[in-house]
């Protein structure tokens, strides 16, 4: 491992200094910002439109912690209880812009995603697991930073868990260097129907990358399994590949490396995908349709981002300094910000 690789274990983050709570002044600044931008479509919001004198420095410091430090922050007390759905998402995006530029999350060009149960079959390889109550394994999303705003919680379960992928890779190298080496070789990922122009329905990508002093991880086991299941020309995983992924999954879930947190209404979790993996436990939802678990997701192209190896262009699109990267890049119309799952 190199000196520039941030890594932590569960024992390293017990101080809870990764929780940032908005005070009354910061909440009021955010509410004023929501009102001041009411005539601007959410997808056209910019920080130049608002004055957040105490909130901006706090979020700028949080952004540094996410991209240059431990890789995650939990922001608390976004005043969703004082805002309607549109206002809550507007406030959320204003916070998110301090971390980076929102990028599209699907082929429809949605800049926000609604993480809730839509009744889809979790065993169907084309299903996005976040649209079910099924547990989500440790994974990364297709962007620099993923954010989750909690609007409503589940009846039971749905707990968030994260781990340092840098620490997990180091442990795998220590105990099973043969398996660690396998993760630096290509795996096939299913695009699940969201295919960039000129590309195929799947792509090849190693899980672990070493580039400019960083160990960077890109991982989604469900997408790897789906590729072999859906495409006859994609080989099934070899025994050593399966063992490597299984062992990696087990280490991510190991209590030595993972921490868990319950997201409550008004919480926003910011995660640097390149160095932190996230997961979610299975949950039981409320019967009342208006009370069901509901999180809103942002995918962000980070300000002052980590350098990425050129192979990431297979998933992230062109990696050019000063330009947004990541997201789902397919031919589509105008970018939109839906207020409900579509």
Protein backbone atom coordinates (compact mmCIF):
# COMPACT_ATOMS: atom_id res chain seq x y z
CA UNK A 1 0.00 0.00 0.00
CA UNK A 2 1.16 3.55 -0.59
CA UNK A 3 1.20 6.50 1.76
CA UNK A 4 -1.51 8.36 -0.15
CA UNK A 5 -4.13 5.63 0.28
CA UNK A 6 -6.66 6.55 3.00
CA UNK A 7 -7.76 3.47 4.96
CA UNK A 8 -9.67 2.84 8.17
CA UNK A 9 -11.10 0.00 10.18
CA UNK A 10 -14.18 0.05 12.40
CA UNK A 11 -11.98 0.75 15.42
CA UNK A 12 -10.58 3.87 13.75
CA UNK A 13 -13.90 5.71 13.36
CA UNK A 14 -15.58 5.26 16.74
CA UNK A 15 -15.23 8.94 17.66
CA UNK A 16 -18.20 9.84 15.43
CA UNK A 17 -16.36 12.91 14.16
CA UNK A 18 -17.70 11.92 10.74
CA UNK A 19 -21.17 13.19 11.76
CA UNK A 20 -21.89 16.83 10.88
CA UNK A 21 -25.05 18.32 12.38
CA UNK A 22 -26.57 21.45 10.87
CA UNK A 23 -27.28 24.03 13.55
CA UNK A 24 -30.29 26.37 13.52
CA UNK A 25 -28.41 29.09 11.63
CA UNK A 26 -27.28 26.70 8.91
CA UNK A 27 -30.78 25.28 8.57
CA UNK A 28 -32.20 28.78 8.19
CA UNK A 29 -29.59 29.62 5.54
CA UNK A 30 -30.60 26.52 3.62
CA UNK A 31 -34.30 27.42 3.84
CA UNK A 32 -33.53 30.92 2.53
CA UNK A 33 -31.56 29.33 -0.32
CA UNK A 34 -34.51 27.12 -1.20
CA UNK A 35 -36.82 30.13 -1.33
CA UNK A 36 -34.34 32.25 -3.29
CA UNK A 37 -34.02 29.62 -6.04
CA UNK A 38 -37.68 28.68 -6.23
CA UNK A 39 -37.96 29.85 -9.85
CA UNK A 40 -34.91 27.88 -11.00
CA UNK A 41 -35.41 24.26 -12.11
CA UNK A 42 -33.51 21.98 -9.74
CA UNK A 43 -31.33 20.66 -12.57
CA UNK A 44 -30.10 24.23 -13.22
CA UNK A 45 -29.20 25.12 -9.64
CA UNK A 46 -25.76 26.57 -8.93
CA UNK A 47 -23.96 27.75 -5.81
CA UNK A 48 -23.61 31.22 -7.31
CA UNK A 49 -27.36 31.70 -6.79
CA UNK A 50 -27.26 31.40 -3.00
CA UNK A 51 -25.50 32.93 0.00
CA UNK A 52 -24.79 30.36 2.70
CA UNK A 53 -22.25 32.14 4.92
CA UNK A 54 -21.85 29.49 7.63
CA UNK A 55 -23.05 26.41 5.77
CA UNK A 56 -20.70 26.73 2.79
CA UNK A 57 -17.47 26.57 4.86
CA UNK A 58 -18.81 23.57 6.79
CA UNK A 59 -19.78 21.69 3.63
CA UNK A 60 -16.49 22.60 1.96
CA UNK A 61 -14.66 21.01 4.89
CA UNK A 62 -16.95 17.97 4.68
CA UNK A 63 -16.17 17.64 0.97
CA UNK A 64 -12.45 17.56 1.81
CA UNK A 65 -13.08 14.78 4.34
CA UNK A 66 -14.93 12.77 1.71
CA UNK A 67 -12.51 13.15 -1.23
CA UNK A 68 -9.18 13.64 0.56
CA UNK A 69 -9.81 12.04 3.95
CA UNK A 70 -11.72 9.06 5.32
CA UNK A 71 -14.14 8.96 2.38
CA UNK A 72 -17.50 9.52 4.05
CA UNK A 73 -19.58 12.01 6.04
CA UNK A 74 -23.04 11.85 7.59
CA UNK A 75 -24.83 15.20 7.41
CA UNK A 76 -27.72 15.58 9.87
CA UNK A 77 -30.66 17.93 10.31
CA UNK A 78 -31.45 18.93 6.74
CA UNK A 79 -34.87 20.51 7.51
CA UNK A 80 -37.07 18.15 5.49
CA UNK A 81 -39.74 18.47 8.17
CA UNK A 82 -40.17 22.13 7.17
CA UNK A 83 -40.22 21.55 3.43
CA UNK A 84 -42.38 19.77 0.87
CA UNK A 85 -40.89 17.12 -1.43
CA UNK A 86 -39.70 19.62 -4.02
CA UNK A 87 -38.17 21.87 -1.38
CA UNK A 88 -36.45 18.96 0.34
CA UNK A 89 -34.81 17.84 -2.89
CA UNK A 90 -33.86 21.44 -3.71
CA UNK A 91 -32.18 21.83 -0.29
CA UNK A 92 -30.44 18.48 -0.78
CA UNK A 93 -29.08 19.45 -4.19
CA UNK A 94 -27.82 22.78 -2.82
CA UNK A 95 -25.86 20.79 -0.22
CA UNK A 96 -24.67 18.30 -2.81
CA UNK A 97 -23.31 21.00 -5.12
CA UNK A 98 -20.63 21.72 -2.53
CA UNK A 99 -19.33 18.20 -3.20
CA UNK A 100 -19.66 18.11 -6.98
CA UNK A 101 -21.82 18.28 -10.09
CA UNK A 102 -24.84 15.93 -10.32
CA UNK A 103 -24.68 13.41 -13.17
CA UNK A 104 -27.37 11.24 -14.74
CA UNK A 105 -28.32 8.04 -12.92
CA UNK A 106 -30.21 6.24 -15.68
CA UNK A 107 -31.08 6.20 -19.36
CA UNK A 108 -33.91 8.67 -18.72
CA UNK A 109 -31.46 11.37 -17.64
CA UNK A 110 -32.63 11.57 -14.03
CA UNK A 111 -30.32 13.65 -11.83
CA UNK A 112 -31.93 12.27 -8.67
CA UNK A 113 -32.84 8.67 -7.99
CA UNK A 114 -35.59 7.46 -5.67
CA UNK A 115 -34.47 4.53 -3.54
CA UNK A 116 -37.68 2.75 -2.55
CA UNK A 117 -39.47 -0.53 -3.03
CA UNK A 118 -41.27 -0.66 -6.37
CA UNK A 119 -42.22 -4.31 -6.02
CA UNK A 120 -39.61 -5.55 -8.50
CA UNK A 121 -38.23 -9.08 -8.42
CA UNK A 122 -34.78 -9.04 -6.75
CA UNK A 123 -33.90 -12.37 -8.39
CA UNK A 124 -34.39 -11.01 -11.92
CA UNK A 125 -30.86 -10.15 -13.17
CA UNK A 126 -32.10 -6.97 -14.85
CA UNK A 127 -33.62 -5.60 -11.61
CA UNK A 128 -31.92 -2.74 -9.81
CA UNK A 129 -31.82 -3.99 -6.23
CA UNK A 130 -32.43 -0.52 -4.79
CA UNK A 131 -36.01 -0.78 -6.16
CA UNK A 132 -36.70 -3.75 -3.85
CA UNK A 133 -36.63 -4.52 -0.11
CA UNK A 134 -33.85 -7.06 -0.71
CA UNK A 135 -30.45 -6.60 0.91
CA UNK A 136 -27.78 -4.87 -1.16
CA UNK A 137 -24.30 -6.29 -1.07
CA UNK A 138 -21.24 -4.08 -0.72
CA UNK A 139 -20.75 -2.14 -3.92
CA UNK A 140 -19.79 1.15 -5.54
CA UNK A 141 -21.91 3.33 -7.81
CA UNK A 142 -20.89 4.77 -11.18
CA UNK A 143 -19.74 8.17 -9.96
CA UNK A 144 -17.15 9.80 -7.72
CA UNK A 145 -19.50 10.48 -4.81
CA UNK A 146 -22.88 8.94 -3.99
CA UNK A 147 -25.22 10.75 -1.61
CA UNK A 148 -28.39 9.48 0.05
CA UNK A 149 -31.00 11.73 1.66
CA UNK A 150 -33.42 9.97 4.00
CA UNK A 151 -37.04 11.15 3.74
CA UNK A 152 -38.73 8.19 5.45
CA UNK A 153 -37.50 5.08 7.22
CA UNK A 154 -38.60 1.45 6.95
CA UNK A 155 -40.73 -0.33 9.52
CA UNK A 156 -37.80 -2.66 10.23
CA UNK A 157 -34.30 -3.00 8.79
CA UNK A 158 -32.79 -1.13 5.88
CA UNK A 159 -29.65 -0.32 7.86
CA UNK A 160 -26.73 1.25 6.01
CA UNK A 161 -23.26 -0.28 6.23
CA UNK A 162 -19.95 0.94 4.84
CA UNK A 163 -16.33 -0.16 4.81
CA UNK A 164 -13.01 1.15 3.57
CA UNK A 165 -12.24 -0.68 0.34
CA UNK A 166 -8.60 0.38 0.77
CA UNK A 167 -8.42 -1.41 4.12
CA UNK A 168 -10.22 -4.49 2.78
CA UNK A 169 -7.85 -4.76 -0.19
CA UNK A 170 -4.86 -4.48 2.18
CA UNK A 171 -6.23 -7.27 4.34
CA UNK A 172 -6.88 -9.48 1.33
CA UNK A 173 -3.31 -8.92 0.17
CA UNK A 174 -2.10 -9.96 3.62
CA UNK A 175 -4.13 -13.14 4.00
CA UNK A 176 -4.66 -14.23 0.37
CA UNK A 177 -2.33 -12.44 -2.05
CA UNK A 178 -3.34 -14.91 -4.77
CA UNK A 179 -6.96 -13.75 -4.54
CA UNK A 180 -5.95 -10.09 -4.35
CA UNK A 181 -4.13 -10.54 -7.66
CA UNK A 182 -7.29 -11.97 -9.23
CA UNK A 183 -9.19 -8.77 -8.40
CA UNK A 184 -6.71 -6.79 -10.49
CA UNK A 185 -7.73 -8.80 -13.56
CA UNK A 186 -10.85 -8.00 -15.65
CA UNK A 187 -14.37 -9.10 -14.72
CA UNK A 188 -17.38 -8.69 -16.99
CA UNK A 189 -20.11 -6.25 -15.88
CA UNK A 190 -23.65 -6.11 -17.26
CA UNK A 191 -24.82 -2.64 -18.31
CA UNK A 192 -28.40 -3.79 -17.59
CA UNK A 193 -29.78 -2.23 -20.74
CA UNK A 194 -28.19 1.21 -20.33
CA UNK A 195 -25.71 1.13 -23.19
CA UNK A 196 -23.63 4.16 -24.26
CA UNK A 197 -23.53 4.92 -27.97
CA UNK A 198 -21.04 2.70 -29.75
CA UNK A 199 -20.62 0.33 -26.80
CA UNK A 200 -21.81 -3.22 -26.13
CA UNK A 201 -24.27 -4.49 -23.50
CA UNK A 202 -21.42 -5.39 -21.15
CA UNK A 203 -17.89 -4.22 -20.40
CA UNK A 204 -14.75 -5.58 -18.74
CA UNK A 205 -13.17 -3.96 -15.69
CA UNK A 206 -10.91 -5.10 -12.83
CA UNK A 207 -12.21 -4.56 -9.30
CA UNK A 208 -8.94 -3.13 -7.94
CA UNK A 209 -6.88 -0.46 -9.69
CA UNK A 210 -3.54 1.14 -8.79
CA UNK A 211 -3.10 4.59 -10.27
CA UNK A 212 -1.05 7.62 -9.22
CA UNK A 213 -0.49 6.36 -5.70
CA UNK A 214 -4.10 5.35 -5.01
CA UNK A 215 -5.81 1.99 -4.68
CA UNK A 216 -9.18 2.60 -6.32
CA UNK A 217 -12.05 0.10 -6.31
CA UNK A 218 -15.04 -0.25 -8.65
CA UNK A 219 -17.33 -3.13 -7.71
CA UNK A 220 -20.88 -4.38 -8.12
CA UNK A 221 -21.23 -8.14 -7.65
CA UNK A 222 -24.84 -8.15 -8.86
CA UNK A 223 -23.74 -6.68 -12.20
CA UNK A 224 -20.96 -9.25 -12.53
CA UNK A 225 -23.31 -12.16 -11.80
CA UNK A 226 -25.96 -10.74 -14.16
CA UNK A 227 -23.52 -10.60 -17.09
CA UNK A 228 -22.79 -14.33 -16.94
CA UNK A 229 -26.47 -15.13 -16.46
CA UNK A 230 -27.81 -12.97 -19.28
CA UNK A 231 -25.22 -13.25 -22.07
CA UNK A 232 -24.25 -16.60 -23.64
CA UNK A 233 -20.93 -15.14 -24.86
CA UNK A 234 -19.88 -14.21 -21.30
CA UNK A 235 -18.13 -17.03 -19.47
CA UNK A 236 -19.23 -18.00 -15.98
CA UNK A 237 -16.86 -17.10 -13.19
CA UNK A 238 -13.96 -19.48 -12.71
CA UNK A 239 -13.56 -21.11 -9.29
CA UNK A 240 -10.70 -18.76 -8.39
CA UNK A 241 -12.71 -15.70 -9.51
CA UNK A 242 -15.69 -16.80 -7.41
CA UNK A 243 -13.46 -17.42 -4.42
CA UNK A 244 -11.85 -13.99 -4.80
CA UNK A 245 -15.19 -12.19 -4.95
CA UNK A 246 -16.69 -14.27 -2.13
CA UNK A 247 -13.69 -13.57 0.11
CA UNK A 248 -13.79 -9.87 -0.75
CA UNK A 249 -17.51 -9.77 0.15
CA UNK A 250 -16.83 -11.56 3.43
CA UNK A 251 -14.10 -9.11 4.41
CA UNK A 252 -16.31 -6.13 3.60
CA UNK A 253 -18.95 -7.50 6.00
CA UNK A 254 -16.40 -8.42 8.67
CA UNK A 255 -17.05 -6.44 11.92
CA UNK A 256 -13.39 -5.42 11.91
CA UNK A 257 -13.93 -3.38 8.76
CA UNK A 258 -17.58 -2.39 8.54
CA UNK A 259 -19.56 0.22 10.39
CA UNK A 260 -23.34 0.50 10.39
CA UNK A 261 -25.64 3.47 10.74
CA UNK A 262 -29.36 4.14 10.76
CA UNK A 263 -30.39 6.98 8.47
CA UNK A 264 -33.25 9.06 9.84
CA UNK A 265 -35.29 11.77 8.08
CA UNK A 266 -33.08 14.72 7.26
CA UNK A 267 -29.84 12.68 7.21
CA UNK A 268 -27.58 12.76 4.16
CA UNK A 269 -24.82 10.20 3.70
CA UNK A 270 -21.96 11.21 1.37
CA UNK A 271 -19.61 8.41 0.24
CA UNK A 272 -16.49 8.51 -1.94
CA UNK A 273 -17.04 5.48 -4.14
CA UNK A 274 -13.39 5.04 -5.02
CA UNK A 275 -12.36 4.23 -1.45
CA UNK A 276 -15.57 3.26 0.40
CA UNK A 277 -18.05 0.47 -0.35
CA UNK A 278 -21.64 0.63 0.88
CA UNK A 279 -24.38 -1.90 1.55
CA UNK A 280 -27.90 -2.10 2.96
CA UNK A 281 -29.69 -4.75 4.98
CA UNK A 282 -33.01 -6.21 3.93
CA UNK A 283 -36.02 -4.37 5.28
CA UNK A 284 -39.72 -4.68 6.05
CA UNK A 285 -41.74 -1.70 4.90
CA UNK A 286 -44.87 -0.03 6.23
CA UNK A 287 -48.26 -1.04 4.84
CA UNK A 288 -49.27 2.60 4.40
CA UNK A 289 -48.04 3.69 0.95
CA UNK A 290 -47.41 7.20 2.27
CA UNK A 291 -45.15 5.93 5.06
CA UNK A 292 -42.87 3.66 3.02
CA UNK A 293 -39.08 3.89 3.21
CA UNK A 294 -37.83 6.55 0.82
CA UNK A 295 -34.31 7.76 0.17
CA UNK A 296 -33.24 10.17 -2.57
CA UNK A 297 -29.92 9.54 -4.29
CA UNK A 298 -27.44 11.88 -5.95
CA UNK A 299 -24.52 10.83 -8.10
CA UNK A 300 -21.85 13.53 -8.06
CA UNK A 301 -18.77 14.21 -10.15
CA UNK A 302 -16.45 15.47 -7.43
CA UNK A 303 -14.82 18.85 -7.14
CA UNK A 304 -11.03 18.40 -7.07
CA UNK A 305 -11.42 14.68 -7.84
CA UNK A 306 -9.10 11.73 -7.47
CA UNK A 307 -7.22 10.82 -10.68
CA UNK A 308 -8.72 7.74 -12.31
CA UNK A 309 -7.06 5.27 -14.67
CA UNK A 310 -8.07 5.56 -18.35
CA UNK A 311 -9.91 2.22 -18.24
CA UNK A 312 -12.62 3.91 -16.13
CA UNK A 313 -13.81 5.60 -19.32
CA UNK A 314 -15.55 2.30 -20.14
CA UNK A 315 -18.00 3.14 -17.37
CA UNK A 316 -17.49 6.85 -16.61
CA UNK A 317 -17.24 8.25 -20.12
CA UNK A 318 -14.46 10.70 -21.01
CA UNK A 319 -12.24 11.60 -18.05
CA UNK A 320 -11.22 15.18 -18.77
CA UNK A 321 -9.96 17.72 -16.25
CA UNK A 322 -12.65 20.25 -15.38
CA UNK A 323 -15.47 18.23 -16.97
CA UNK A 324 -18.10 16.12 -15.14
CA UNK A 325 -17.42 12.40 -15.28
CA UNK A 326 -19.41 9.31 -14.40
CA UNK A 327 -23.13 8.62 -14.48
CA UNK A 328 -25.09 6.73 -17.10
CA UNK A 329 -24.08 8.15 -20.46
CA UNK A 330 -26.54 7.09 -23.13
CA UNK A 331 -28.31 9.00 -25.92
CA UNK A 332 -31.23 10.81 -24.32
CA UNK A 333 -33.15 14.06 -24.11
CA UNK A 334 -32.97 16.76 -21.49
CA UNK A 335 -31.78 16.05 -17.95
CA UNK A 336 -34.62 16.03 -15.43
CA UNK A 337 -35.19 15.91 -11.67
CA UNK A 338 -38.25 13.73 -10.92
CA UNK A 339 -39.90 14.23 -7.56
CA UNK A 340 -41.07 10.60 -7.43
CA UNK A 341 -39.84 7.25 -8.74
CA UNK A 342 -40.65 6.70 -12.41
